[in-house]
Amino acid sequence: MLLGKVHVQLRFRHNGAVLDYRASRVAAANLATELVQHGVEVRVDEDVDDALADLPFAELWSS
């Protein structure tokens, strides 16, 4: 497990796209709060590893 990081999965209902990233807990929580309001299913869990890409522009969700 990467310290301080979580796995974030974004599932877009309208086209079925699923994206997986790693992010800080704060960024993941802020992202989830916003995106669920727009119909995106967001799952955050501890299943994080080096193979996951970092959440793009994570700094925008970190404060």
Protein backbone atom coordinates (compact mmCIF):
# COMPACT_ATOMS: atom_id res chain seq x y z
CA MET A 1 0.00 0.00 0.00
CA LEU A 2 1.17 3.52 -0.75
CA LEU A 3 1.08 5.66 2.37
CA GLY A 4 -1.59 8.31 2.36
CA LYS A 5 -3.01 7.23 -1.00
CA VAL A 6 -6.29 5.55 -1.92
CA HIS A 7 -7.76 3.96 -5.03
CA VAL A 8 -10.44 6.07 -6.73
CA GLN A 9 -12.72 4.51 -9.33
CA LEU A 10 -14.93 6.74 -11.47
CA ARG A 11 -17.82 5.13 -13.35
CA PHE A 12 -19.61 7.29 -15.91
CA ARG A 13 -23.15 5.99 -16.34
CA HIS A 14 -23.91 7.69 -19.64
CA ASN A 15 -21.15 5.92 -21.60
CA GLY A 16 -19.98 3.13 -19.30
CA ALA A 17 -16.42 4.44 -19.01
CA VAL A 18 -14.55 3.36 -15.88
CA LEU A 19 -11.38 5.14 -14.76
CA ASP A 20 -9.07 4.11 -11.92
CA TYR A 21 -6.58 6.41 -10.20
CA ARG A 22 -4.67 6.85 -6.98
CA ALA A 23 -5.07 10.02 -4.94
CA SER A 24 -4.75 11.40 -1.45
CA ARG A 25 -7.68 10.78 0.87
CA VAL A 26 -8.54 14.49 0.84
CA ALA A 27 -8.49 14.76 -2.96
CA ALA A 28 -10.55 11.57 -3.30
CA ALA A 29 -13.19 12.78 -0.83
CA ASN A 30 -13.47 16.21 -2.45
CA LEU A 31 -13.64 14.71 -5.94
CA ALA A 32 -16.33 12.24 -4.88
CA THR A 33 -18.43 14.96 -3.26
CA GLU A 34 -18.45 16.97 -6.48
CA LEU A 35 -18.78 14.23 -9.09
CA VAL A 36 -21.67 12.34 -7.50
CA GLN A 37 -23.72 15.52 -7.99
CA HIS A 38 -23.15 15.06 -11.73
CA GLY A 39 -24.19 11.41 -11.94
CA VAL A 40 -20.72 9.86 -11.71
CA GLU A 41 -20.41 6.82 -9.45
CA VAL A 42 -17.30 7.18 -7.28
CA ARG A 43 -15.74 4.39 -5.24
CA VAL A 44 -12.84 5.01 -2.88
CA ASP A 45 -11.00 2.10 -1.28
CA GLU A 46 -7.63 0.92 0.00
CA ASP A 47 -6.81 -1.20 -3.07
CA VAL A 48 -4.03 1.10 -4.30
CA ASP A 49 -0.73 0.15 -5.96
CA ASP A 50 2.01 1.58 -8.17
CA ALA A 51 0.22 0.47 -11.35
CA LEU A 52 -2.50 3.10 -10.85
CA ALA A 53 -1.94 6.50 -12.42
CA ASP A 54 -2.10 9.56 -10.21
CA LEU A 55 -5.37 11.47 -10.39
CA PRO A 56 -4.83 14.21 -13.00
CA PHE A 57 -4.78 17.70 -11.50
CA ALA A 58 -5.17 16.23 -8.00
CA GLU A 59 -3.96 19.50 -6.50
CA LEU A 60 -7.27 21.09 -7.56
CA TRP A 61 -9.11 18.69 -5.24
CA SER A 62 -6.64 18.78 -2.35
CA SER A 63 -7.77 21.88 -0.49
